[in-house]
Amino acid sequence: MKRVASGLLATVLLACAVPVHAQDYPSKAIKMIVPFAAGGPADLVARVIGEKLSSVAGQPVVIENRGGAGGMTGIGQVAKADRDGYTIGIASSGTLALNVALKQAMPYDPLKDLYLVTQAVSAPELLVVGPKVPAKDFKEFVALARAQPGKLNFASSGNGGMPHLAAELLKIATKTDMVHVPYPGAAPAVNDLLGGHVQLMFADVPVLLGAVQAGQLRAIAVGSKNRVPLLADVPTTAEVGEPDVLADNWYGVVAPAGLPQAVAQKLYDLSIATLRAPDVKDRLEKQGLGVVGSSSAEFTAYVRSEIERWGKVVEIANVKIN
C-alpha cells in the first residue's frame, strides 16, 4: 500500500509541476510583434496569420508593429519577453539569418534566445528590369550587364536586406559588375525603377506583383526552386542556368526560448492549424507567397543553413553596413 501511495503522490506532484497557465494555454490575448512598419510584407503575413490564429486559439491576437534596426528591435523584444507564450513574433530572414552575417553584435542569438516555432511562408525574390532596359529575358539581361560593366544600377529596399544580397549573389554567379543603389524601403525603390533611374531590382513577389501584372515592369526570373503560380510564365533562376541564385525571403513564427513544453507544443499546434486553414493558404497565395508550416526542428535547421549560406555571400561580396 505504501508503494501505491508513493506512486500516486509522485504522479500528483508531477502534474502539479506543470504550471497551471501551461495546461489551459491560451487563456488570454496573445501579442504578435511585427518588427517592421505597417503595410509591408511582414505586416501582411502577420495580419493574415493573426486573424486566423485568433479564431483557432479562441483568444484575441493583437498585432503590434515595432520597427527599428532592420527588424532586430522587435524580435529582440520577443526574445526578452516573459516565457509564457503570450508574446510571439513574425520574424524575417533578415532578423534570423542575414543580420547574423552582417552585424558584429546583435541583441539576441536567434538559435539560442528564440523558440523557432515554424517557418510560416516563403516569399520568393523576383528579379525585374525597368521599362527602359532592352533585355527581354534573363539571358539577354546577363549579356547586357557583361557588355556594360558598372553601368547598370540595381535598387534595393535597404543595405543588407534580402533584395540587396540576392542581387549580390546574382553578381557573383553571373560574374557581372552592377552598382547597388539602396533606398529607405521598397516603395521609393520601385518608384525610381519605374522612372528609369535604376535598371533592375530583386524584391518579394508581393512588392512587385502589381507592377508586373500591369506590364510596368518585366519579370525575368524568380529566385526560388519552383515557379510562382501567379507568375507562371516567369522561369526560376535554375531554369535559366543559375541554380545557385536562390533567394527566398521567408517569415516564421517565433517566441522566447524556454517556454514550458506544454505551451511550446500548443503554440506549434495552433500555428500549424492556422497555416493549414484553406482560407489562410488562399489569401497568402494570392499575394504570391508560399505556405510552409515546417516543424520547429526543420525551421531551426533551415535558419542555421541560411546563416551559413548568406554569410558566404556577405564575405565574398564584402558587404558592409553601419
C-alpha atoms as a PDB file:
ATOM      1  CA  MET A   1       0.000   0.000   0.000  1.00  0.00           C
ATOM      2  CA  LYS A   2       2.854   2.357   0.796  1.00  0.00           C
ATOM      3  CA  ARG A   3       4.336   1.792  -2.678  1.00  0.00           C
ATOM      4  CA  VAL A   4       0.974   2.508  -4.330  1.00  0.00           C
ATOM      5  CA  ALA A   5       0.508   5.633  -2.243  1.00  0.00           C
ATOM      6  CA  SER A   6       4.031   6.738  -3.045  1.00  0.00           C
ATOM      7  CA  GLY A   7       3.390   6.227  -6.758  1.00  0.00           C
ATOM      8  CA  LEU A   8       0.177   8.203  -6.609  1.00  0.00           C
ATOM      9  CA  LEU A   9       1.924  11.016  -4.756  1.00  0.00           C
ATOM     10  CA  ALA A  10       4.648  11.149  -7.392  1.00  0.00           C
ATOM     11  CA  THR A  11       2.039  11.356 -10.142  1.00  0.00           C
ATOM     12  CA  VAL A  12       0.235  14.183  -8.360  1.00  0.00           C
ATOM     13  CA  LEU A  13       3.488  16.077  -7.799  1.00  0.00           C
ATOM     14  CA  LEU A  14       4.454  15.655 -11.460  1.00  0.00           C
ATOM     15  CA  ALA A  15       1.103  17.020 -12.578  1.00  0.00           C
ATOM     16  CA  CYS A  16       1.482  19.959 -10.218  1.00  0.00           C
ATOM     17  CA  ALA A  17       4.927  20.661 -11.680  1.00  0.00           C
ATOM     18  CA  VAL A  18       3.260  21.758 -14.933  1.00  0.00           C
ATOM     19  CA  PRO A  19       2.235  25.406 -14.449  1.00  0.00           C
ATOM     20  CA  VAL A  20      -1.493  25.987 -14.456  1.00  0.00           C
ATOM     21  CA  HIS A  21      -1.134  28.516 -17.276  1.00  0.00           C
ATOM     22  CA  ALA A  22       0.557  25.836 -19.415  1.00  0.00           C
ATOM     23  CA  GLN A  23      -2.390  23.494 -19.014  1.00  0.00           C
ATOM     24  CA  ASP A  24      -5.013  25.963 -20.230  1.00  0.00           C
ATOM     25  CA  TYR A  25      -2.895  27.995 -22.679  1.00  0.00           C
ATOM     26  CA  PRO A  26      -4.036  30.268 -24.190  1.00  0.00           C
ATOM     27  CA  SER A  27      -6.406  31.828 -21.683  1.00  0.00           C
ATOM     28  CA  LYS A  28      -5.913  35.477 -22.653  1.00  0.00           C
ATOM     29  CA  ALA A  29      -4.876  37.665 -25.588  1.00  0.00           C
ATOM     30  CA  ILE A  30      -1.667  36.857 -27.472  1.00  0.00           C
ATOM     31  CA  LYS A  31       0.556  39.724 -28.598  1.00  0.00           C
ATOM     32  CA  MET A  32       2.180  39.254 -32.004  1.00  0.00           C
ATOM     33  CA  ILE A  33       5.105  41.614 -32.619  1.00  0.00           C
ATOM     34  CA  VAL A  34       5.854  42.601 -36.215  1.00  0.00           C
ATOM     35  CA  PRO A  35       9.391  44.042 -36.342  1.00  0.00           C
ATOM     36  CA  PHE A  36       8.627  46.336 -39.278  1.00  0.00           C
ATOM     37  CA  ALA A  37       6.251  49.187 -40.062  1.00  0.00           C
ATOM     38  CA  ALA A  38       2.674  48.502 -41.069  1.00  0.00           C
ATOM     39  CA  GLY A  39       1.970  47.873 -44.743  1.00  0.00           C
ATOM     40  CA  GLY A  40       4.981  45.757 -45.678  1.00  0.00           C
ATOM     41  CA  PRO A  41       5.198  42.012 -46.428  1.00  0.00           C
ATOM     42  CA  ALA A  42       5.862  41.046 -42.783  1.00  0.00           C
ATOM     43  CA  ASP A  43       2.828  43.037 -41.670  1.00  0.00           C
ATOM     44  CA  LEU A  44       0.690  41.384 -44.358  1.00  0.00           C
ATOM     45  CA  VAL A  45       1.765  37.914 -43.250  1.00  0.00           C
ATOM     46  CA  ALA A  46       1.196  38.754 -39.585  1.00  0.00           C
ATOM     47  CA  ARG A  47      -2.302  40.078 -40.118  1.00  0.00           C
ATOM     48  CA  VAL A  48      -3.448  37.117 -42.202  1.00  0.00           C
ATOM     49  CA  ILE A  49      -1.994  34.649 -39.687  1.00  0.00           C
ATOM     50  CA  GLY A  50      -3.038  36.654 -36.636  1.00  0.00           C
ATOM     51  CA  GLU A  51      -6.664  36.904 -37.701  1.00  0.00           C
ATOM     52  CA  LYS A  52      -6.963  33.147 -38.175  1.00  0.00           C
ATOM     53  CA  LEU A  53      -4.865  32.291 -35.120  1.00  0.00           C
ATOM     54  CA  SER A  54      -7.312  34.257 -33.008  1.00  0.00           C
ATOM     55  CA  SER A  55     -10.150  32.113 -34.307  1.00  0.00           C
ATOM     56  CA  VAL A  56      -8.232  28.850 -33.875  1.00  0.00           C
ATOM     57  CA  ALA A  57      -6.977  29.700 -30.376  1.00  0.00           C
ATOM     58  CA  GLY A  58     -10.213  31.255 -29.177  1.00  0.00           C
ATOM     59  CA  GLN A  59      -8.384  34.331 -27.918  1.00  0.00           C
ATOM     60  CA  PRO A  60      -7.613  37.774 -29.396  1.00  0.00           C
ATOM     61  CA  VAL A  61      -4.309  38.181 -31.245  1.00  0.00           C
ATOM     62  CA  VAL A  62      -3.090  41.762 -31.015  1.00  0.00           C
ATOM     63  CA  ILE A  63      -0.682  42.902 -33.753  1.00  0.00           C
ATOM     64  CA  GLU A  64       1.986  45.327 -32.558  1.00  0.00           C
ATOM     65  CA  ASN A  65       4.380  46.925 -35.067  1.00  0.00           C
ATOM     66  CA  ARG A  66       7.783  47.665 -33.528  1.00  0.00           C
ATOM     67  CA  GLY A  67      10.219  48.615 -36.262  1.00  0.00           C
ATOM     68  CA  GLY A  68      13.857  49.578 -35.928  1.00  0.00           C
ATOM     69  CA  ALA A  69      17.381  48.291 -36.511  1.00  0.00           C
ATOM     70  CA  GLY A  70      16.416  46.183 -39.518  1.00  0.00           C
ATOM     71  CA  GLY A  71      13.806  44.300 -37.513  1.00  0.00           C
ATOM     72  CA  MET A  72      16.115  43.467 -34.616  1.00  0.00           C
ATOM     73  CA  THR A  73      14.376  45.808 -32.176  1.00  0.00           C
ATOM     74  CA  GLY A  74      11.058  43.971 -32.403  1.00  0.00           C
ATOM     75  CA  ILE A  75      12.479  40.453 -32.414  1.00  0.00           C
ATOM     76  CA  GLY A  76      14.795  41.415 -29.563  1.00  0.00           C
ATOM     77  CA  GLN A  77      11.712  42.295 -27.546  1.00  0.00           C
ATOM     78  CA  VAL A  78      10.214  38.901 -28.329  1.00  0.00           C
ATOM     79  CA  ALA A  79      13.418  37.209 -27.129  1.00  0.00           C
ATOM     80  CA  LYS A  80      13.261  39.109 -23.828  1.00  0.00           C
ATOM     81  CA  ALA A  81       9.518  38.651 -23.244  1.00  0.00           C
ATOM     82  CA  ASP A  82       8.010  36.515 -20.493  1.00  0.00           C
ATOM     83  CA  ARG A  83       8.302  32.818 -21.275  1.00  0.00           C
ATOM     84  CA  ASP A  84       4.594  32.146 -21.170  1.00  0.00           C
ATOM     85  CA  GLY A  85       3.617  32.071 -24.862  1.00  0.00           C
ATOM     86  CA  TYR A  86       1.673  35.326 -24.774  1.00  0.00           C
ATOM     87  CA  THR A  87       4.277  37.296 -26.734  1.00  0.00           C
ATOM     88  CA  ILE A  88       5.221  35.913 -30.136  1.00  0.00           C
ATOM     89  CA  GLY A  89       6.569  37.468 -33.315  1.00  0.00           C
ATOM     90  CA  ILE A  90       6.747  37.238 -37.081  1.00  0.00           C
ATOM     91  CA  ALA A  91      10.463  37.111 -37.908  1.00  0.00           C
ATOM     92  CA  SER A  92      12.013  37.553 -41.340  1.00  0.00           C
ATOM     93  CA  SER A  93      15.087  36.045 -42.937  1.00  0.00           C
ATOM     94  CA  GLY A  94      16.903  39.282 -42.118  1.00  0.00           C
ATOM     95  CA  THR A  95      16.126  39.153 -38.413  1.00  0.00           C
ATOM     96  CA  LEU A  96      17.076  35.478 -38.045  1.00  0.00           C
ATOM     97  CA  ALA A  97      19.829  34.884 -40.608  1.00  0.00           C
ATOM     98  CA  LEU A  98      21.134  37.830 -42.647  1.00  0.00           C
ATOM     99  CA  ASN A  99      21.868  40.111 -39.712  1.00  0.00           C
ATOM    100  CA  VAL A 100      23.919  37.377 -38.065  1.00  0.00           C
ATOM    101  CA  ALA A 101      26.296  37.586 -41.030  1.00  0.00           C
ATOM    102  CA  LEU A 102      26.175  41.364 -41.266  1.00  0.00           C
ATOM    103  CA  LYS A 103      26.260  42.574 -37.673  1.00  0.00           C
ATOM    104  CA  GLN A 104      29.189  42.387 -35.290  1.00  0.00           C
ATOM    105  CA  ALA A 105      26.766  42.336 -32.384  1.00  0.00           C
ATOM    106  CA  MET A 106      23.065  41.507 -32.101  1.00  0.00           C
ATOM    107  CA  PRO A 107      20.636  41.962 -29.191  1.00  0.00           C
ATOM    108  CA  TYR A 108      19.764  38.250 -29.334  1.00  0.00           C
ATOM    109  CA  ASP A 109      21.019  34.927 -30.661  1.00  0.00           C
ATOM    110  CA  PRO A 110      18.298  33.545 -32.955  1.00  0.00           C
ATOM    111  CA  LEU A 111      19.324  29.943 -32.283  1.00  0.00           C
ATOM    112  CA  LYS A 112      19.583  30.288 -28.500  1.00  0.00           C
ATOM    113  CA  ASP A 113      17.242  33.062 -27.382  1.00  0.00           C
ATOM    114  CA  LEU A 114      14.218  32.182 -29.513  1.00  0.00           C
ATOM    115  CA  TYR A 115      11.906  29.227 -29.903  1.00  0.00           C
ATOM    116  CA  LEU A 116      11.590  28.918 -33.677  1.00  0.00           C
ATOM    117  CA  VAL A 117       8.014  27.680 -33.877  1.00  0.00           C
ATOM    118  CA  THR A 118       7.596  27.211 -37.623  1.00  0.00           C
ATOM    119  CA  GLN A 119       8.561  28.709 -40.951  1.00  0.00           C
ATOM    120  CA  ALA A 120       5.220  30.182 -41.930  1.00  0.00           C
ATOM    121  CA  VAL A 121       5.739  31.296 -45.521  1.00  0.00           C
ATOM    122  CA  SER A 122       8.314  31.718 -48.237  1.00  0.00           C
ATOM    123  CA  ALA A 123       8.418  34.930 -50.240  1.00  0.00           C
ATOM    124  CA  PRO A 124      10.411  34.310 -53.435  1.00  0.00           C
ATOM    125  CA  GLU A 125      12.594  37.149 -54.624  1.00  0.00           C
ATOM    126  CA  LEU A 126      11.514  38.275 -58.079  1.00  0.00           C
ATOM    127  CA  LEU A 127      14.062  39.784 -60.459  1.00  0.00           C
ATOM    128  CA  VAL A 128      12.611  42.567 -62.590  1.00  0.00           C
ATOM    129  CA  VAL A 129      14.018  45.105 -65.024  1.00  0.00           C
ATOM    130  CA  GLY A 130      12.700  48.561 -65.749  1.00  0.00           C
ATOM    131  CA  PRO A 131      10.765  49.630 -68.834  1.00  0.00           C
ATOM    132  CA  LYS A 132      13.817  51.237 -70.471  1.00  0.00           C
ATOM    133  CA  VAL A 133      16.005  48.113 -70.246  1.00  0.00           C
ATOM    134  CA  PRO A 134      16.156  46.464 -73.701  1.00  0.00           C
ATOM    135  CA  ALA A 135      16.699  42.908 -72.412  1.00  0.00           C
ATOM    136  CA  LYS A 136      13.624  40.736 -72.948  1.00  0.00           C
ATOM    137  CA  ASP A 137      14.724  37.795 -70.805  1.00  0.00           C
ATOM    138  CA  PHE A 138      17.356  36.683 -68.319  1.00  0.00           C
ATOM    139  CA  LYS A 139      19.915  35.606 -70.931  1.00  0.00           C
ATOM    140  CA  GLU A 140      19.717  38.940 -72.729  1.00  0.00           C
ATOM    141  CA  PHE A 141      19.958  40.782 -69.427  1.00  0.00           C
ATOM    142  CA  VAL A 142      23.156  38.985 -68.388  1.00  0.00           C
ATOM    143  CA  ALA A 143      24.665  39.674 -71.814  1.00  0.00           C
ATOM    144  CA  LEU A 144      23.769  43.354 -71.417  1.00  0.00           C
ATOM    145  CA  ALA A 145      25.283  43.536 -67.938  1.00  0.00           C
ATOM    146  CA  ARG A 146      28.514  41.893 -69.092  1.00  0.00           C
ATOM    147  CA  ALA A 147      28.756  44.251 -72.053  1.00  0.00           C
ATOM    148  CA  GLN A 148      28.348  47.306 -69.788  1.00  0.00           C
ATOM    149  CA  PRO A 149      30.296  46.657 -66.573  1.00  0.00           C
ATOM    150  CA  GLY A 150      29.469  49.167 -63.858  1.00  0.00           C
ATOM    151  CA  LYS A 151      26.747  50.820 -65.950  1.00  0.00           C
ATOM    152  CA  LEU A 152      23.610  49.093 -64.623  1.00  0.00           C
ATOM    153  CA  ASN A 153      22.243  50.124 -61.246  1.00  0.00           C
ATOM    154  CA  PHE A 154      20.208  47.797 -59.064  1.00  0.00           C
ATOM    155  CA  ALA A 155      17.847  49.125 -56.425  1.00  0.00           C
ATOM    156  CA  SER A 156      17.151  47.594 -53.048  1.00  0.00           C
ATOM    157  CA  SER A 157      14.873  48.321 -50.123  1.00  0.00           C
ATOM    158  CA  GLY A 158      17.884  48.832 -47.871  1.00  0.00           C
ATOM    159  CA  ASN A 159      21.525  47.962 -47.400  1.00  0.00           C
ATOM    160  CA  GLY A 160      21.980  44.352 -46.230  1.00  0.00           C
ATOM    161  CA  GLY A 161      18.402  43.202 -46.808  1.00  0.00           C
ATOM    162  CA  MET A 162      17.390  40.167 -48.837  1.00  0.00           C
ATOM    163  CA  PRO A 163      16.805  42.176 -52.065  1.00  0.00           C
ATOM    164  CA  HIS A 164      20.334  43.588 -51.769  1.00  0.00           C
ATOM    165  CA  LEU A 165      22.009  40.262 -51.017  1.00  0.00           C
ATOM    166  CA  ALA A 166      20.013  38.480 -53.724  1.00  0.00           C
ATOM    167  CA  ALA A 167      21.465  40.887 -56.286  1.00  0.00           C
ATOM    168  CA  GLU A 168      24.955  40.442 -54.840  1.00  0.00           C
ATOM    169  CA  LEU A 169      24.523  36.689 -55.227  1.00  0.00           C
ATOM    170  CA  LEU A 170      23.416  37.265 -58.830  1.00  0.00           C
ATOM    171  CA  LYS A 171      26.549  39.332 -59.485  1.00  0.00           C
ATOM    172  CA  ILE A 172      28.773  36.600 -58.052  1.00  0.00           C
ATOM    173  CA  ALA A 173      27.093  33.813 -60.024  1.00  0.00           C
ATOM    174  CA  THR A 174      26.984  35.646 -63.368  1.00  0.00           C
ATOM    175  CA  LYS A 175      30.329  37.431 -62.954  1.00  0.00           C
ATOM    176  CA  THR A 176      28.778  40.808 -63.664  1.00  0.00           C
ATOM    177  CA  ASP A 177      29.542  44.268 -62.291  1.00  0.00           C
ATOM    178  CA  MET A 178      26.471  46.253 -61.257  1.00  0.00           C
ATOM    179  CA  VAL A 179      26.101  49.159 -58.839  1.00  0.00           C
ATOM    180  CA  HIS A 180      23.960  48.975 -55.714  1.00  0.00           C
ATOM    181  CA  VAL A 181      21.573  51.857 -55.014  1.00  0.00           C
ATOM    182  CA  PRO A 182      19.913  51.372 -51.591  1.00  0.00           C
ATOM    183  CA  TYR A 183      16.603  53.049 -50.750  1.00  0.00           C
ATOM    184  CA  PRO A 184      14.816  53.556 -47.413  1.00  0.00           C
ATOM    185  CA  GLY A 185      12.164  50.967 -48.224  1.00  0.00           C
ATOM    186  CA  ALA A 186      10.655  49.153 -51.192  1.00  0.00           C
ATOM    187  CA  ALA A 187       8.207  51.852 -52.340  1.00  0.00           C
ATOM    188  CA  PRO A 188      10.764  54.537 -53.302  1.00  0.00           C
ATOM    189  CA  ALA A 189      12.968  51.886 -54.921  1.00  0.00           C
ATOM    190  CA  VAL A 190      10.102  50.678 -57.108  1.00  0.00           C
ATOM    191  CA  ASN A 191       9.179  54.270 -57.994  1.00  0.00           C
ATOM    192  CA  ASP A 192      12.686  55.011 -59.238  1.00  0.00           C
ATOM    193  CA  LEU A 193      12.767  51.708 -61.118  1.00  0.00           C
ATOM    194  CA  LEU A 194       9.535  52.659 -62.874  1.00  0.00           C
ATOM    195  CA  GLY A 195      11.016  56.074 -63.649  1.00  0.00           C
ATOM    196  CA  GLY A 196      14.152  54.590 -65.188  1.00  0.00           C
ATOM    197  CA  HIS A 197      16.555  55.997 -62.601  1.00  0.00           C
ATOM    198  CA  VAL A 198      17.718  52.446 -61.782  1.00  0.00           C
ATOM    199  CA  GLN A 199      17.574  49.459 -64.092  1.00  0.00           C
ATOM    200  CA  LEU A 200      16.769  46.356 -62.053  1.00  0.00           C
ATOM    201  CA  MET A 201      15.675  45.064 -58.686  1.00  0.00           C
ATOM    202  CA  PHE A 202      15.071  41.944 -56.636  1.00  0.00           C
ATOM    203  CA  ALA A 203      12.129  42.127 -54.216  1.00  0.00           C
ATOM    204  CA  ASP A 204       9.486  39.972 -52.559  1.00  0.00           C
ATOM    205  CA  VAL A 205       6.797  38.952 -55.046  1.00  0.00           C
ATOM    206  CA  PRO A 206       4.022  40.922 -53.243  1.00  0.00           C
ATOM    207  CA  VAL A 207       6.051  44.127 -53.618  1.00  0.00           C
ATOM    208  CA  LEU A 208       6.364  43.810 -57.403  1.00  0.00           C
ATOM    209  CA  LEU A 209       3.319  41.766 -58.365  1.00  0.00           C
ATOM    210  CA  GLY A 210       1.018  44.668 -59.252  1.00  0.00           C
ATOM    211  CA  ALA A 211       3.566  46.455 -61.440  1.00  0.00           C
ATOM    212  CA  VAL A 212       4.481  43.230 -63.250  1.00  0.00           C
ATOM    213  CA  GLN A 213       0.863  42.279 -63.867  1.00  0.00           C
ATOM    214  CA  ALA A 214       0.200  45.813 -65.145  1.00  0.00           C
ATOM    215  CA  GLY A 215       3.079  45.498 -67.623  1.00  0.00           C
ATOM    216  CA  GLN A 216       5.055  48.315 -65.999  1.00  0.00           C
ATOM    217  CA  LEU A 217       7.998  46.083 -65.057  1.00  0.00           C
ATOM    218  CA  ARG A 218       9.399  42.992 -66.789  1.00  0.00           C
ATOM    219  CA  ALA A 219       9.955  39.925 -64.614  1.00  0.00           C
ATOM    220  CA  ILE A 220      12.846  37.835 -65.941  1.00  0.00           C
ATOM    221  CA  ALA A 221      13.427  35.265 -63.175  1.00  0.00           C
ATOM    222  CA  VAL A 222      12.281  34.174 -59.742  1.00  0.00           C
ATOM    223  CA  GLY A 223      14.857  33.121 -57.177  1.00  0.00           C
ATOM    224  CA  SER A 224      13.045  30.063 -55.852  1.00  0.00           C
ATOM    225  CA  LYS A 225      13.112  26.347 -56.612  1.00  0.00           C
ATOM    226  CA  ASN A 226       9.610  26.452 -58.057  1.00  0.00           C
ATOM    227  CA  ARG A 227       7.731  28.910 -60.232  1.00  0.00           C
ATOM    228  CA  VAL A 228       5.215  31.252 -58.620  1.00  0.00           C
ATOM    229  CA  PRO A 229       1.690  30.233 -59.684  1.00  0.00           C
ATOM    230  CA  LEU A 230       0.572  33.849 -60.112  1.00  0.00           C
ATOM    231  CA  LEU A 231       3.522  34.415 -62.478  1.00  0.00           C
ATOM    232  CA  ALA A 232       3.633  31.015 -64.112  1.00  0.00           C
ATOM    233  CA  ASP A 233       5.419  32.300 -67.221  1.00  0.00           C
ATOM    234  CA  VAL A 234       8.410  33.581 -65.237  1.00  0.00           C
ATOM    235  CA  PRO A 235      11.196  30.961 -65.089  1.00  0.00           C
ATOM    236  CA  THR A 236      13.173  30.114 -61.981  1.00  0.00           C
ATOM    237  CA  THR A 237      16.845  31.009 -61.781  1.00  0.00           C
ATOM    238  CA  ALA A 238      17.655  27.286 -62.109  1.00  0.00           C
ATOM    239  CA  GLU A 239      15.682  27.137 -65.337  1.00  0.00           C
ATOM    240  CA  VAL A 240      17.733  29.990 -66.820  1.00  0.00           C
ATOM    241  CA  GLY A 241      21.001  28.318 -65.889  1.00  0.00           C
ATOM    242  CA  GLU A 242      21.779  29.802 -62.442  1.00  0.00           C
ATOM    243  CA  PRO A 243      20.704  27.173 -59.883  1.00  0.00           C
ATOM    244  CA  ASP A 244      22.838  28.729 -57.138  1.00  0.00           C
ATOM    245  CA  VAL A 245      20.939  32.012 -57.279  1.00  0.00           C
ATOM    246  CA  LEU A 246      18.325  31.006 -54.745  1.00  0.00           C
ATOM    247  CA  ALA A 247      16.777  33.874 -52.832  1.00  0.00           C
ATOM    248  CA  ASP A 248      13.646  33.329 -50.789  1.00  0.00           C
ATOM    249  CA  ASN A 249      12.710  35.885 -48.241  1.00  0.00           C
ATOM    250  CA  TRP A 250      10.824  33.991 -45.573  1.00  0.00           C
ATOM    251  CA  TYR A 251       8.851  34.625 -42.441  1.00  0.00           C
ATOM    252  CA  GLY A 252       8.397  32.475 -39.380  1.00  0.00           C
ATOM    253  CA  VAL A 253       6.583  32.412 -36.074  1.00  0.00           C
ATOM    254  CA  VAL A 254       8.932  32.821 -33.095  1.00  0.00           C
ATOM    255  CA  ALA A 255       8.625  33.051 -29.318  1.00  0.00           C
ATOM    256  CA  PRO A 256      11.042  33.404 -26.410  1.00  0.00           C
ATOM    257  CA  ALA A 257      13.217  30.367 -25.772  1.00  0.00           C
ATOM    258  CA  GLY A 258      12.456  28.369 -22.644  1.00  0.00           C
ATOM    259  CA  LEU A 259       8.678  28.089 -22.937  1.00  0.00           C
ATOM    260  CA  PRO A 260       7.099  25.338 -20.854  1.00  0.00           C
ATOM    261  CA  GLN A 261       6.940  22.256 -23.068  1.00  0.00           C
ATOM    262  CA  ALA A 262       3.152  22.133 -22.964  1.00  0.00           C
ATOM    263  CA  VAL A 263       2.924  25.775 -24.084  1.00  0.00           C
ATOM    264  CA  ALA A 264       5.523  25.306 -26.825  1.00  0.00           C
ATOM    265  CA  GLN A 265       3.642  22.290 -28.197  1.00  0.00           C
ATOM    266  CA  LYS A 266       0.282  24.063 -28.055  1.00  0.00           C
ATOM    267  CA  LEU A 267       1.682  27.155 -29.769  1.00  0.00           C
ATOM    268  CA  TYR A 268       3.132  24.970 -32.518  1.00  0.00           C
ATOM    269  CA  ASP A 269      -0.146  23.067 -32.941  1.00  0.00           C
ATOM    270  CA  LEU A 270      -2.148  26.300 -33.132  1.00  0.00           C
ATOM    271  CA  SER A 271       0.286  27.788 -35.671  1.00  0.00           C
ATOM    272  CA  ILE A 272       0.148  24.738 -37.931  1.00  0.00           C
ATOM    273  CA  ALA A 273      -3.644  24.579 -37.737  1.00  0.00           C
ATOM    274  CA  THR A 274      -3.708  28.246 -38.734  1.00  0.00           C
ATOM    275  CA  LEU A 275      -1.380  27.779 -41.714  1.00  0.00           C
ATOM    276  CA  ARG A 276      -3.284  24.723 -42.938  1.00  0.00           C
ATOM    277  CA  ALA A 277      -6.589  26.559 -42.985  1.00  0.00           C
ATOM    278  CA  PRO A 278      -7.767  26.799 -46.637  1.00  0.00           C
ATOM    279  CA  ASP A 279      -8.700  30.486 -46.360  1.00  0.00           C
ATOM    280  CA  VAL A 280      -5.246  31.394 -44.982  1.00  0.00           C
ATOM    281  CA  LYS A 281      -3.499  29.434 -47.724  1.00  0.00           C
ATOM    282  CA  ASP A 282      -5.686  31.094 -50.356  1.00  0.00           C
ATOM    283  CA  ARG A 283      -5.097  34.632 -49.058  1.00  0.00           C
ATOM    284  CA  LEU A 284      -1.338  34.206 -48.853  1.00  0.00           C
ATOM    285  CA  GLU A 285      -1.001  32.511 -52.237  1.00  0.00           C
ATOM    286  CA  LYS A 286      -2.966  35.341 -53.855  1.00  0.00           C
ATOM    287  CA  GLN A 287      -0.095  37.594 -52.746  1.00  0.00           C
ATOM    288  CA  GLY A 288       2.499  35.315 -54.349  1.00  0.00           C
ATOM    289  CA  LEU A 289       3.540  33.740 -51.049  1.00  0.00           C
ATOM    290  CA  GLY A 290       4.030  30.042 -50.407  1.00  0.00           C
ATOM    291  CA  VAL A 291       2.743  28.459 -47.193  1.00  0.00           C
ATOM    292  CA  VAL A 292       5.329  26.224 -45.470  1.00  0.00           C
ATOM    293  CA  GLY A 293       4.367  25.124 -41.947  1.00  0.00           C
ATOM    294  CA  SER A 294       7.576  23.261 -41.032  1.00  0.00           C
ATOM    295  CA  SER A 295       8.367  21.614 -37.715  1.00  0.00           C
ATOM    296  CA  SER A 296      10.366  23.580 -35.151  1.00  0.00           C
ATOM    297  CA  ALA A 297      13.363  21.303 -35.744  1.00  0.00           C
ATOM    298  CA  GLU A 298      13.135  21.783 -39.520  1.00  0.00           C
ATOM    299  CA  PHE A 299      12.835  25.542 -39.140  1.00  0.00           C
ATOM    300  CA  THR A 300      15.827  25.661 -36.802  1.00  0.00           C
ATOM    301  CA  ALA A 301      17.959  23.620 -39.216  1.00  0.00           C
ATOM    302  CA  TYR A 302      16.874  25.864 -42.095  1.00  0.00           C
ATOM    303  CA  VAL A 303      17.780  29.048 -40.215  1.00  0.00           C
ATOM    304  CA  ARG A 304      21.192  27.587 -39.388  1.00  0.00           C
ATOM    305  CA  SER A 305      21.798  26.749 -43.069  1.00  0.00           C
ATOM    306  CA  GLU A 306      20.662  30.211 -44.180  1.00  0.00           C
ATOM    307  CA  ILE A 307      23.063  31.876 -41.729  1.00  0.00           C
ATOM    308  CA  GLU A 308      25.906  29.885 -43.250  1.00  0.00           C
ATOM    309  CA  ARG A 309      24.869  30.382 -46.883  1.00  0.00           C
ATOM    310  CA  TRP A 310      24.328  34.126 -46.733  1.00  0.00           C
ATOM    311  CA  GLY A 311      27.414  34.559 -44.583  1.00  0.00           C
ATOM    312  CA  LYS A 312      29.472  33.330 -47.530  1.00  0.00           C
ATOM    313  CA  VAL A 313      27.746  35.818 -49.873  1.00  0.00           C
ATOM    314  CA  VAL A 314      28.407  38.694 -47.449  1.00  0.00           C
ATOM    315  CA  GLU A 315      32.068  37.693 -47.230  1.00  0.00           C
ATOM    316  CA  ILE A 316      32.631  37.272 -50.987  1.00  0.00           C
ATOM    317  CA  ALA A 317      30.752  40.456 -51.881  1.00  0.00           C
ATOM    318  CA  ASN A 318      32.383  42.325 -48.982  1.00  0.00           C
ATOM    319  CA  VAL A 319      29.048  43.778 -47.909  1.00  0.00           C
ATOM    320  CA  LYS A 320      29.333  46.332 -45.126  1.00  0.00           C
ATOM    321  CA  ILE A 321      26.524  48.020 -43.229  1.00  0.00           C
ATOM    322  CA  ASN A 322      26.507  50.625 -40.493  1.00  0.00           C
END
